[in-house]
PDB file of N, CA and C in Angstrom:
ATOM      1  N   MET A   1      98.295 198.361 194.456  1.00  0.00           N
ATOM      2  CA  MET A   1      99.439 198.217 195.345  1.00  0.00           C
ATOM      3  C   MET A   1      98.862 198.324 197.126  1.00  0.00           C
ATOM      4  N   SER A   2      99.424 197.197 197.990  1.00  0.00           N
ATOM      5  CA  SER A   2      98.964 197.135 198.828  1.00  0.00           C
ATOM      6  C   SER A   2      99.690 197.671 199.918  1.00  0.00           C
ATOM      7  N   SER A   3      98.896 198.148 200.833  1.00  0.00           N
ATOM      8  CA  SER A   3      99.356 198.824 202.320  1.00  0.00           C
ATOM      9  C   SER A   3      99.115 198.152 203.718  1.00  0.00           C
ATOM     10  N   THR A   4     100.147 198.023 204.233  1.00  0.00           N
ATOM     11  CA  THR A   4     100.237 197.611 205.804  1.00  0.00           C
ATOM     12  C   THR A   4     100.229 198.084 206.443  1.00  0.00           C
ATOM     13  N   THR A   5      99.455 197.923 207.854  1.00  0.00           N
ATOM     14  CA  THR A   5      99.572 199.086 208.843  1.00  0.00           C
ATOM     15  C   THR A   5     100.392 198.521 210.242  1.00  0.00           C
ATOM     16  N   ILE A   6     101.247 198.811 210.897  1.00  0.00           N
ATOM     17  CA  ILE A   6     101.778 198.373 211.784  1.00  0.00           C
ATOM     18  C   ILE A   6     101.207 199.059 213.232  1.00  0.00           C
ATOM     19  N   ASN A   7     100.576 198.415 213.951  1.00  0.00           N
ATOM     20  CA  ASN A   7     100.302 199.368 215.532  1.00  0.00           C
ATOM     21  C   ASN A   7     101.288 198.979 216.624  1.00  0.00           C
ATOM     22  N   GLU A   8     102.008 197.667 216.544  1.00  0.00           N
ATOM     23  CA  GLU A   8     102.945 197.481 217.677  1.00  0.00           C
ATOM     24  C   GLU A   8     104.302 196.902 217.031  1.00  0.00           C
ATOM     25  N   LEU A   9     105.499 197.662 217.668  1.00  0.00           N
ATOM     26  CA  LEU A   9     106.746 197.084 217.275  1.00  0.00           C
ATOM     27  C   LEU A   9     107.362 196.565 218.272  1.00  0.00           C
ATOM     28  N   GLU A  10     107.891 195.627 217.999  1.00  0.00           N
ATOM     29  CA  GLU A  10     108.707 195.340 219.425  1.00  0.00           C
ATOM     30  C   GLU A  10     110.837 195.467 219.065  1.00  0.00           C
ATOM     31  N   VAL A  11     111.229 195.834 220.089  1.00  0.00           N
ATOM     32  CA  VAL A  11     112.450 196.203 220.032  1.00  0.00           C
ATOM     33  C   VAL A  11     113.044 196.289 221.212  1.00  0.00           C
ATOM     34  N   ASN A  12     113.952 195.010 221.192  1.00  0.00           N
ATOM     35  CA  ASN A  12     114.992 194.392 222.136  1.00  0.00           C
ATOM     36  C   ASN A  12     113.773 193.955 223.391  1.00  0.00           C
ATOM     37  N   GLY A  13     113.172 193.172 222.736  1.00  0.00           N
ATOM     38  CA  GLY A  13     112.267 192.462 223.744  1.00  0.00           C
ATOM     39  C   GLY A  13     111.215 193.338 224.346  1.00  0.00           C
ATOM     40  N   LYS A  14     111.112 194.512 224.348  1.00  0.00           N
ATOM     41  CA  LYS A  14     109.946 195.734 224.629  1.00  0.00           C
ATOM     42  C   LYS A  14     108.954 196.115 223.584  1.00  0.00           C
ATOM     43  N   THR A  15     107.593 196.078 223.611  1.00  0.00           N
ATOM     44  CA  THR A  15     106.635 196.280 222.637  1.00  0.00           C
ATOM     45  C   THR A  15     106.185 197.644 222.861  1.00  0.00           C
ATOM     46  N   TYR A  16     106.635 198.521 221.614  1.00  0.00           N
ATOM     47  CA  TYR A  16     105.795 199.640 221.552  1.00  0.00           C
ATOM     48  C   TYR A  16     104.506 199.418 221.043  1.00  0.00           C
ATOM     49  N   VAL A  17     103.896 200.746 221.339  1.00  0.00           N
ATOM     50  CA  VAL A  17     102.132 200.734 220.651  1.00  0.00           C
ATOM     51  C   VAL A  17     102.031 201.790 220.205  1.00  0.00           C
ATOM     52  N   LEU A  18     101.264 202.139 219.046  1.00  0.00           N
ATOM     53  CA  LEU A  18     101.218 203.476 218.264  1.00  0.00           C
ATOM     54  C   LEU A  18     100.331 204.040 219.098  1.00  0.00           C
ATOM     55  N   LYS A  19     100.431 204.809 219.544  1.00  0.00           N
ATOM     56  CA  LYS A  19      99.600 206.342 220.250  1.00  0.00           C
ATOM     57  C   LYS A  19      97.705 206.228 219.178  1.00  0.00           C
ATOM     58  N   GLY A  20      97.104 205.786 220.550  1.00  0.00           N
ATOM     59  CA  GLY A  20      95.564 205.870 220.048  1.00  0.00           C
ATOM     60  C   GLY A  20      95.295 204.889 219.487  1.00  0.00           C
ATOM     61  N   THR A  21      95.904 203.609 219.524  1.00  0.00           N
ATOM     62  CA  THR A  21      95.658 202.080 219.315  1.00  0.00           C
ATOM     63  C   THR A  21      96.151 201.227 220.465  1.00  0.00           C
ATOM     64  N   GLU A  22      96.210 201.711 221.816  1.00  0.00           N
ATOM     65  CA  GLU A  22      96.311 201.218 222.765  1.00  0.00           C
ATOM     66  C   GLU A  22      94.725 200.384 223.203  1.00  0.00           C
ATOM     67  N   SER A  23      94.933 198.886 223.778  1.00  0.00           N
ATOM     68  CA  SER A  23      94.191 198.568 224.331  1.00  0.00           C
ATOM     69  C   SER A  23      93.186 198.787 225.365  1.00  0.00           C
ATOM     70  N   THR A  24      92.391 199.164 225.407  1.00  0.00           N
ATOM     71  CA  THR A  24      91.470 199.347 226.913  1.00  0.00           C
ATOM     72  C   THR A  24      90.877 198.518 228.058  1.00  0.00           C
ATOM     73  N   GLU A  25      91.385 197.313 227.428  1.00  0.00           N
ATOM     74  CA  GLU A  25      91.331 196.031 228.314  1.00  0.00           C
ATOM     75  C   GLU A  25      92.686 196.098 229.800  1.00  0.00           C
ATOM     76  N   PRO A  26      92.264 195.760 230.724  1.00  0.00           N
ATOM     77  CA  PRO A  26      93.269 195.838 231.643  1.00  0.00           C
ATOM     78  C   PRO A  26      94.302 194.977 231.499  1.00  0.00           C
ATOM     79  N   LYS A  27      95.657 194.932 231.684  1.00  0.00           N
ATOM     80  CA  LYS A  27      96.542 194.176 231.421  1.00  0.00           C
ATOM     81  C   LYS A  27      97.140 193.753 232.858  1.00  0.00           C
ATOM     82  N   ASN A  28      96.675 194.195 233.741  1.00  0.00           N
ATOM     83  CA  ASN A  28      97.072 193.650 235.171  1.00  0.00           C
ATOM     84  C   ASN A  28      95.945 192.778 235.993  1.00  0.00           C
ATOM     85  N   SER A  29      95.742 191.638 235.457  1.00  0.00           N
ATOM     86  CA  SER A  29      95.129 190.780 236.314  1.00  0.00           C
ATOM     87  C   SER A  29      95.598 189.623 237.394  1.00  0.00           C
ATOM     88  N   ASP A  30      96.815 190.138 238.085  1.00  0.00           N
ATOM     89  CA  ASP A  30      97.335 189.307 238.852  1.00  0.00           C
ATOM     90  C   ASP A  30      96.437 189.308 240.181  1.00  0.00           C
ATOM     91  N   ILE A  31      96.850 188.213 240.963  1.00  0.00           N
ATOM     92  CA  ILE A  31      95.999 187.870 242.149  1.00  0.00           C
ATOM     93  C   ILE A  31      96.894 189.120 243.147  1.00  0.00           C
ATOM     94  N   LYS A  32      95.777 189.557 243.928  1.00  0.00           N
ATOM     95  CA  LYS A  32      96.626 190.439 244.763  1.00  0.00           C
ATOM     96  C   LYS A  32      96.076 190.509 246.363  1.00  0.00           C
ATOM     97  N   ILE A  33      96.485 190.938 247.128  1.00  0.00           N
ATOM     98  CA  ILE A  33      95.716 191.290 248.693  1.00  0.00           C
ATOM     99  C   ILE A  33      95.932 192.650 248.642  1.00  0.00           C
ATOM    100  N   CYS A  34      94.575 193.229 248.835  1.00  0.00           N
ATOM    101  CA  CYS A  34      94.474 194.898 249.139  1.00  0.00           C
ATOM    102  C   CYS A  34      94.311 194.798 250.238  1.00  0.00           C
ATOM    103  N   VAL A  35      95.124 195.811 251.092  1.00  0.00           N
ATOM    104  CA  VAL A  35      94.970 196.342 252.330  1.00  0.00           C
ATOM    105  C   VAL A  35      93.743 197.558 252.404  1.00  0.00           C
ATOM    106  N   LEU A  36      93.169 197.746 252.580  1.00  0.00           N
ATOM    107  CA  LEU A  36      92.313 198.983 252.434  1.00  0.00           C
ATOM    108  C   LEU A  36      91.652 199.790 254.137  1.00  0.00           C
ATOM    109  N   GLN A  37      91.379 200.838 253.500  1.00  0.00           N
ATOM    110  CA  GLN A  37      91.310 201.781 254.732  1.00  0.00           C
ATOM    111  C   GLN A  37      90.104 201.021 255.646  1.00  0.00           C
ATOM    112  N   ARG A  38      90.240 201.091 256.813  1.00  0.00           N
ATOM    113  CA  ARG A  38      88.920 200.833 257.480  1.00  0.00           C
ATOM    114  C   ARG A  38      89.301 199.457 258.227  1.00  0.00           C
ATOM    115  N   GLY A  39      90.214 198.816 257.764  1.00  0.00           N
ATOM    116  CA  GLY A  39      90.647 197.452 258.517  1.00  0.00           C
ATOM    117  C   GLY A  39      90.581 196.679 257.117  1.00  0.00           C
ATOM    118  N   TRP A  40      90.134 197.027 256.424  1.00  0.00           N
ATOM    119  CA  TRP A  40      89.473 195.740 255.379  1.00  0.00           C
ATOM    120  C   TRP A  40      90.537 195.175 254.455  1.00  0.00           C
ATOM    121  N   VAL A  41      90.858 193.667 254.613  1.00  0.00           N
ATOM    122  CA  VAL A  41      92.072 193.240 253.976  1.00  0.00           C
ATOM    123  C   VAL A  41      90.960 191.856 252.873  1.00  0.00           C
ATOM    124  N   MET A  42      91.499 192.316 251.794  1.00  0.00           N
ATOM    125  CA  MET A  42      90.637 191.235 250.699  1.00  0.00           C
ATOM    126  C   MET A  42      91.502 190.612 249.723  1.00  0.00           C
ATOM    127  N   ILE A  43      91.465 189.841 249.284  1.00  0.00           N
ATOM    128  CA  ILE A  43      92.277 188.908 248.171  1.00  0.00           C
ATOM    129  C   ILE A  43      91.048 188.682 246.799  1.00  0.00           C
ATOM    130  N   GLY A  44      91.693 188.830 245.620  1.00  0.00           N
ATOM    131  CA  GLY A  44      91.220 188.638 244.568  1.00  0.00           C
ATOM    132  C   GLY A  44      92.100 188.844 243.312  1.00  0.00           C
ATOM    133  N   ARG A  45      91.091 188.946 242.239  1.00  0.00           N
ATOM    134  CA  ARG A  45      92.053 188.672 240.481  1.00  0.00           C
ATOM    135  C   ARG A  45      91.685 190.286 240.289  1.00  0.00           C
ATOM    136  N   TYR A  46      92.786 191.222 240.609  1.00  0.00           N
ATOM    137  CA  TYR A  46      93.117 192.558 240.412  1.00  0.00           C
ATOM    138  C   TYR A  46      93.506 193.416 239.228  1.00  0.00           C
ATOM    139  N   THR A  47      92.346 194.212 238.585  1.00  0.00           N
ATOM    140  CA  THR A  47      92.395 194.785 237.882  1.00  0.00           C
ATOM    141  C   THR A  47      92.308 196.749 238.044  1.00  0.00           C
ATOM    142  N   LYS A  48      92.996 197.417 237.547  1.00  0.00           N
ATOM    143  CA  LYS A  48      92.841 199.158 237.684  1.00  0.00           C
ATOM    144  C   LYS A  48      92.574 199.378 236.473  1.00  0.00           C
ATOM    145  N   VAL A  49      91.223 200.255 236.300  1.00  0.00           N
ATOM    146  CA  VAL A  49      91.147 200.853 235.234  1.00  0.00           C
ATOM    147  C   VAL A  49      91.023 202.404 235.696  1.00  0.00           C
ATOM    148  N   GLU A  50      91.577 203.541 235.317  1.00  0.00           N
ATOM    149  CA  GLU A  50      91.640 204.857 235.994  1.00  0.00           C
ATOM    150  C   GLU A  50      91.540 204.477 237.165  1.00  0.00           C
ATOM    151  N   ASP A  51      90.790 205.405 238.272  1.00  0.00           N
ATOM    152  CA  ASP A  51      90.585 205.371 239.466  1.00  0.00           C
ATOM    153  C   ASP A  51      89.922 204.288 240.237  1.00  0.00           C
ATOM    154  N   THR A  52      89.478 203.008 239.453  1.00  0.00           N
ATOM    155  CA  THR A  52      88.750 201.948 240.428  1.00  0.00           C
ATOM    156  C   THR A  52      89.760 200.800 240.061  1.00  0.00           C
ATOM    157  N   ILE A  53      89.259 200.003 241.221  1.00  0.00           N
ATOM    158  CA  ILE A  53      90.240 198.996 241.172  1.00  0.00           C
ATOM    159  C   ILE A  53      88.957 198.201 241.738  1.00  0.00           C
ATOM    160  N   THR A  54      89.273 196.708 241.195  1.00  0.00           N
ATOM    161  CA  THR A  54      88.479 195.634 240.748  1.00  0.00           C
ATOM    162  C   THR A  54      89.113 194.253 241.260  1.00  0.00           C
ATOM    163  N   LEU A  55      88.413 193.680 242.435  1.00  0.00           N
ATOM    164  CA  LEU A  55      88.848 192.231 242.661  1.00  0.00           C
ATOM    165  C   LEU A  55      87.377 191.442 241.757  1.00  0.00           C
ATOM    166  N   GLU A  56      88.066 190.683 241.215  1.00  0.00           N
ATOM    167  CA  GLU A  56      87.285 189.458 240.675  1.00  0.00           C
ATOM    168  C   GLU A  56      87.448 187.801 241.677  1.00  0.00           C
ATOM    169  N   ASN A  57      85.904 187.310 242.100  1.00  0.00           N
ATOM    170  CA  ASN A  57      86.067 186.400 242.516  1.00  0.00           C
ATOM    171  C   ASN A  57      87.298 186.561 243.963  1.00  0.00           C
ATOM    172  N   ALA A  58      86.427 187.550 244.795  1.00  0.00           N
ATOM    173  CA  ALA A  58      87.385 188.211 246.068  1.00  0.00           C
ATOM    174  C   ALA A  58      86.389 187.568 246.853  1.00  0.00           C
ATOM    175  N   TYR A  59      87.826 187.554 247.913  1.00  0.00           N
ATOM    176  CA  TYR A  59      87.259 187.178 249.293  1.00  0.00           C
ATOM    177  C   TYR A  59      87.830 188.509 250.316  1.00  0.00           C
ATOM    178  N   VAL A  60      86.610 188.548 251.423  1.00  0.00           N
ATOM    179  CA  VAL A  60      87.711 189.604 252.555  1.00  0.00           C
ATOM    180  C   VAL A  60      88.676 188.258 253.110  1.00  0.00           C
ATOM    181  N   ILE A  61      89.189 188.346 253.710  1.00  0.00           N
ATOM    182  CA  ILE A  61      90.421 188.003 254.735  1.00  0.00           C
ATOM    183  C   ILE A  61      89.713 188.386 255.955  1.00  0.00           C
ATOM    184  N   ARG A  62      88.831 187.581 256.752  1.00  0.00           N
ATOM    185  CA  ARG A  62      88.784 187.431 258.253  1.00  0.00           C
ATOM    186  C   ARG A  62      89.908 187.190 259.204  1.00  0.00           C
ATOM    187  N   GLN A  63      90.477 186.233 259.054  1.00  0.00           N
ATOM    188  CA  GLN A  63      91.243 185.672 259.641  1.00  0.00           C
ATOM    189  C   GLN A  63      92.835 185.596 258.741  1.00  0.00           C
ATOM    190  N   TRP A  64      93.892 185.922 259.338  1.00  0.00           N
ATOM    191  CA  TRP A  64      94.499 185.463 258.620  1.00  0.00           C
ATOM    192  C   TRP A  64      95.339 184.225 258.782  1.00  0.00           C
ATOM    193  N   GLY A  65      95.325 183.723 259.881  1.00  0.00           N
ATOM    194  CA  GLY A  65      95.975 181.985 260.277  1.00  0.00           C
ATOM    195  C   GLY A  65      97.543 181.955 259.907  1.00  0.00           C
ATOM    196  N   THR A  66      97.705 182.759 259.896  1.00  0.00           N
ATOM    197  CA  THR A  66      99.899 183.207 259.835  1.00  0.00           C
ATOM    198  C   THR A  66     100.324 183.188 260.990  1.00  0.00           C
ATOM    199  N   THR A  67     101.539 182.967 261.163  1.00  0.00           N
ATOM    200  CA  THR A  67     102.653 183.159 261.935  1.00  0.00           C
ATOM    201  C   THR A  67     103.292 184.111 261.455  1.00  0.00           C
ATOM    202  N   LYS A  68     103.533 184.621 260.082  1.00  0.00           N
ATOM    203  CA  LYS A  68     104.333 185.587 259.647  1.00  0.00           C
ATOM    204  C   LYS A  68     103.586 186.614 258.557  1.00  0.00           C
ATOM    205  N   GLY A  69     102.636 186.710 259.056  1.00  0.00           N
ATOM    206  CA  GLY A  69     101.561 187.998 258.367  1.00  0.00           C
ATOM    207  C   GLY A  69     100.709 187.713 256.710  1.00  0.00           C
ATOM    208  N   LEU A  70     100.978 188.614 256.180  1.00  0.00           N
ATOM    209  CA  LEU A  70     100.486 188.748 255.031  1.00  0.00           C
ATOM    210  C   LEU A  70     101.495 187.873 254.220  1.00  0.00           C
ATOM    211  N   GLY A  71     102.562 188.707 254.240  1.00  0.00           N
ATOM    212  CA  GLY A  71     103.469 188.140 253.083  1.00  0.00           C
ATOM    213  C   GLY A  71     103.293 186.168 252.931  1.00  0.00           C
ATOM    214  N   GLU A  72     103.200 186.031 254.559  1.00  0.00           N
ATOM    215  CA  GLU A  72     103.108 184.385 254.466  1.00  0.00           C
ATOM    216  C   GLU A  72     101.931 183.397 253.586  1.00  0.00           C
ATOM    217  N   LEU A  73     101.039 184.376 253.593  1.00  0.00           N
ATOM    218  CA  LEU A  73      99.348 184.308 252.887  1.00  0.00           C
ATOM    219  C   LEU A  73     100.027 184.299 251.296  1.00  0.00           C
ATOM    220  N   ALA A  74     100.364 185.511 250.859  1.00  0.00           N
ATOM    221  CA  ALA A  74     100.762 185.672 249.618  1.00  0.00           C
ATOM    222  C   ALA A  74     101.543 184.953 248.747  1.00  0.00           C
ATOM    223  N   LEU A  75     102.541 184.444 249.618  1.00  0.00           N
ATOM    224  CA  LEU A  75     103.563 183.436 248.978  1.00  0.00           C
ATOM    225  C   LEU A  75     103.305 182.062 249.077  1.00  0.00           C
ATOM    226  N   ASP A  76     102.789 181.603 250.232  1.00  0.00           N
ATOM    227  CA  ASP A  76     102.394 180.140 250.866  1.00  0.00           C
ATOM    228  C   ASP A  76     100.862 180.258 250.412  1.00  0.00           C
ATOM    229  N   GLY A  77      99.822 180.903 250.130  1.00  0.00           N
ATOM    230  CA  GLY A  77      98.559 180.367 249.973  1.00  0.00           C
ATOM    231  C   GLY A  77      97.783 180.244 251.201  1.00  0.00           C
ATOM    232  N   LYS A  78      96.636 179.977 250.965  1.00  0.00           N
ATOM    233  CA  LYS A  78      95.716 179.965 252.405  1.00  0.00           C
ATOM    234  C   LYS A  78      96.377 178.708 253.480  1.00  0.00           C
ATOM    235  N   GLN A  79      96.088 179.478 254.479  1.00  0.00           N
ATOM    236  CA  GLN A  79      96.762 178.412 255.448  1.00  0.00           C
ATOM    237  C   GLN A  79      95.261 177.622 256.135  1.00  0.00           C
ATOM    238  N   SER A  80      95.660 176.692 257.306  1.00  0.00           N
ATOM    239  CA  SER A  80      94.790 175.460 257.757  1.00  0.00           C
ATOM    240  C   SER A  80      93.869 176.771 258.697  1.00  0.00           C
ATOM    241  N   SER A  81      94.192 177.884 259.079  1.00  0.00           N
ATOM    242  CA  SER A  81      93.593 178.699 260.181  1.00  0.00           C
ATOM    243  C   SER A  81      92.923 179.989 259.321  1.00  0.00           C
ATOM    244  N   THR A  82      93.228 179.843 258.464  1.00  0.00           N
ATOM    245  CA  THR A  82      92.870 181.096 257.644  1.00  0.00           C
ATOM    246  C   THR A  82      91.143 181.220 257.218  1.00  0.00           C
ATOM    247  N   LYS A  83      90.578 182.182 257.367  1.00  0.00           N
ATOM    248  CA  LYS A  83      88.874 182.112 256.748  1.00  0.00           C
ATOM    249  C   LYS A  83      88.855 183.212 256.328  1.00  0.00           C
ATOM    250  N   LEU A  84      88.162 182.785 254.925  1.00  0.00           N
ATOM    251  CA  LEU A  84      88.321 184.170 253.971  1.00  0.00           C
ATOM    252  C   LEU A  84      86.741 183.768 253.746  1.00  0.00           C
ATOM    253  N   ASP A  85      86.030 184.602 253.689  1.00  0.00           N
ATOM    254  CA  ASP A  85      84.423 185.450 253.406  1.00  0.00           C
ATOM    255  C   ASP A  85      84.504 185.758 251.811  1.00  0.00           C
ATOM    256  N   LYS A  86      83.554 184.950 251.132  1.00  0.00           N
ATOM    257  CA  LYS A  86      83.024 185.380 249.793  1.00  0.00           C
ATOM    258  C   LYS A  86      82.427 186.469 249.617  1.00  0.00           C
ATOM    259  N   ALA A  87      83.348 187.070 248.469  1.00  0.00           N
ATOM    260  CA  ALA A  87      82.663 188.522 248.405  1.00  0.00           C
ATOM    261  C   ALA A  87      82.318 188.650 246.618  1.00  0.00           C
ATOM    262  N   GLY A  88      82.736 187.644 245.997  1.00  0.00           N
ATOM    263  CA  GLY A  88      82.358 188.037 244.743  1.00  0.00           C
ATOM    264  C   GLY A  88      83.287 189.011 243.956  1.00  0.00           C
ATOM    265  N   ARG A  89      82.579 190.367 243.133  1.00  0.00           N
ATOM    266  CA  ARG A  89      83.094 191.087 242.340  1.00  0.00           C
ATOM    267  C   ARG A  89      83.134 192.411 243.393  1.00  0.00           C
ATOM    268  N   VAL A  90      84.737 192.707 244.183  1.00  0.00           N
ATOM    269  CA  VAL A  90      84.680 194.159 245.046  1.00  0.00           C
ATOM    270  C   VAL A  90      84.999 195.025 243.626  1.00  0.00           C
ATOM    271  N   GLU A  91      84.505 196.292 244.103  1.00  0.00           N
ATOM    272  CA  GLU A  91      84.942 197.686 243.185  1.00  0.00           C
ATOM    273  C   GLU A  91      85.544 198.631 244.548  1.00  0.00           C
ATOM    274  N   PHE A  92      86.548 199.273 244.323  1.00  0.00           N
ATOM    275  CA  PHE A  92      86.706 200.514 245.221  1.00  0.00           C
ATOM    276  C   PHE A  92      87.798 201.621 244.645  1.00  0.00           C
ATOM    277  N   HIS A  93      87.684 202.712 245.156  1.00  0.00           N
ATOM    278  CA  HIS A  93      88.282 203.570 244.395  1.00  0.00           C
ATOM    279  C   HIS A  93      90.065 203.538 245.057  1.00  0.00           C
ATOM    280  N   VAL A  94      90.751 204.141 244.209  1.00  0.00           N
ATOM    281  CA  VAL A  94      92.413 203.576 244.364  1.00  0.00           C
ATOM    282  C   VAL A  94      92.610 204.234 245.688  1.00  0.00           C
ATOM    283  N   LEU A  95      92.130 205.120 246.077  1.00  0.00           N
ATOM    284  CA  LEU A  95      92.442 206.284 247.309  1.00  0.00           C
ATOM    285  C   LEU A  95      92.245 205.662 248.627  1.00  0.00           C
ATOM    286  N   THR A  96      91.432 204.571 248.301  1.00  0.00           N
ATOM    287  CA  THR A  96      91.155 203.831 249.599  1.00  0.00           C
ATOM    288  C   THR A  96      92.135 202.600 250.126  1.00  0.00           C
ATOM    289  N   VAL A  97      93.326 202.332 248.924  1.00  0.00           N
ATOM    290  CA  VAL A  97      94.150 201.375 249.251  1.00  0.00           C
ATOM    291  C   VAL A  97      95.303 201.955 250.102  1.00  0.00           C
ATOM    292  N   VAL A  98      95.846 201.092 251.197  1.00  0.00           N
ATOM    293  CA  VAL A  98      97.003 201.461 251.970  1.00  0.00           C
ATOM    294  C   VAL A  98      97.859 200.847 251.302  1.00  0.00           C
ATOM    295  N   ALA A  99      97.912 199.298 250.764  1.00  0.00           N
ATOM    296  CA  ALA A  99      99.277 198.544 250.282  1.00  0.00           C
ATOM    297  C   ALA A  99      98.199 197.536 249.450  1.00  0.00           C
ATOM    298  N   THR A 100      99.192 197.022 248.863  1.00  0.00           N
ATOM    299  CA  THR A 100      98.835 195.854 247.805  1.00  0.00           C
ATOM    300  C   THR A 100      99.829 194.797 247.697  1.00  0.00           C
ATOM    301  N   ILE A 101      99.803 193.524 247.966  1.00  0.00           N
ATOM    302  CA  ILE A 101     100.462 192.678 247.947  1.00  0.00           C
ATOM    303  C   ILE A 101     100.236 191.625 246.854  1.00  0.00           C
ATOM    304  N   THR A 102     100.826 191.602 245.697  1.00  0.00           N
ATOM    305  CA  THR A 102     101.170 190.333 244.557  1.00  0.00           C
ATOM    306  C   THR A 102     101.247 189.098 245.146  1.00  0.00           C
ATOM    307  N   CYS A 103     100.451 187.959 245.159  1.00  0.00           N
ATOM    308  CA  CYS A 103     100.795 186.814 245.319  1.00  0.00           C
ATOM    309  C   CYS A 103     100.992 185.948 244.576  1.00  0.00           C
ATOM    310  N   ASP A 104     101.553 184.864 244.789  1.00  0.00           N
ATOM    311  CA  ASP A 104     101.977 183.831 243.910  1.00  0.00           C
ATOM    312  C   ASP A 104     100.482 182.757 243.227  1.00  0.00           C
ATOM    313  N   ASP A 105     100.237 183.285 241.960  1.00  0.00           N
ATOM    314  CA  ASP A 105      99.239 182.572 241.578  1.00  0.00           C
ATOM    315  C   ASP A 105      98.975 181.255 241.597  1.00  0.00           C
ATOM    316  N   THR A 106      99.936 180.434 241.832  1.00  0.00           N
ATOM    317  CA  THR A 106      99.563 179.044 241.792  1.00  0.00           C
ATOM    318  C   THR A 106      99.287 178.225 243.122  1.00  0.00           C
ATOM    319  N   LYS A 107      99.351 179.474 243.694  1.00  0.00           N
ATOM    320  CA  LYS A 107      98.923 178.787 245.449  1.00  0.00           C
ATOM    321  C   LYS A 107      97.496 179.605 245.511  1.00  0.00           C
ATOM    322  N   TRP A 108      97.048 180.503 244.769  1.00  0.00           N
ATOM    323  CA  TRP A 108      95.780 180.588 245.193  1.00  0.00           C
ATOM    324  C   TRP A 108      94.788 180.229 244.019  1.00  0.00           C
ATOM    325  N   ASP A 109      95.134 179.888 243.239  1.00  0.00           N
ATOM    326  CA  ASP A 109      94.369 179.630 241.433  1.00  0.00           C
ATOM    327  C   ASP A 109      93.453 179.124 241.719  1.00  0.00           C
ATOM    328  N   LYS A 110      93.316 178.165 242.626  1.00  0.00           N
ATOM    329  CA  LYS A 110      92.131 177.115 242.466  1.00  0.00           C
ATOM    330  C   LYS A 110      91.095 177.889 243.566  1.00  0.00           C
ATOM    331  N   GLU A 111      91.788 178.529 244.436  1.00  0.00           N
ATOM    332  CA  GLU A 111      90.904 179.287 245.875  1.00  0.00           C
ATOM    333  C   GLU A 111      90.051 180.299 244.795  1.00  0.00           C
ATOM    334  N   LEU A 112      90.555 180.758 244.250  1.00  0.00           N
ATOM    335  CA  LEU A 112      90.197 182.049 242.983  1.00  0.00           C
ATOM    336  C   LEU A 112      89.415 181.786 242.100  1.00  0.00           C
ATOM    337  N   ASN A 113      88.754 180.628 241.992  1.00  0.00           N
ATOM    338  CA  ASN A 113      88.092 180.137 240.634  1.00  0.00           C
ATOM    339  C   ASN A 113      86.381 180.069 241.074  1.00  0.00           C
TER     340      ASN A 113
END
């Protein structure tokens, strides 16, 4: 007799995972602008694992170069006067975050590769 183990079940478009079989791989790898304490503003591919946030292919946003603030950067991408300083991989504690803004991935994808 054959036995089949089911660890995931989809009901009405929602996926349910058997407790203890969850993936430890982060699933939140959106591109985000992070406003941090002490005036740091960074952008990168965002993941959060426990109390640590990581930005991959990160940049420090030294000069926004916008007329409508950070929201313009998030939605429209880098502007002609935006100044970015390459930072690589940046890790910081979740309590240092003042705010995050989810970006339009299509506007930032080339910049963050």
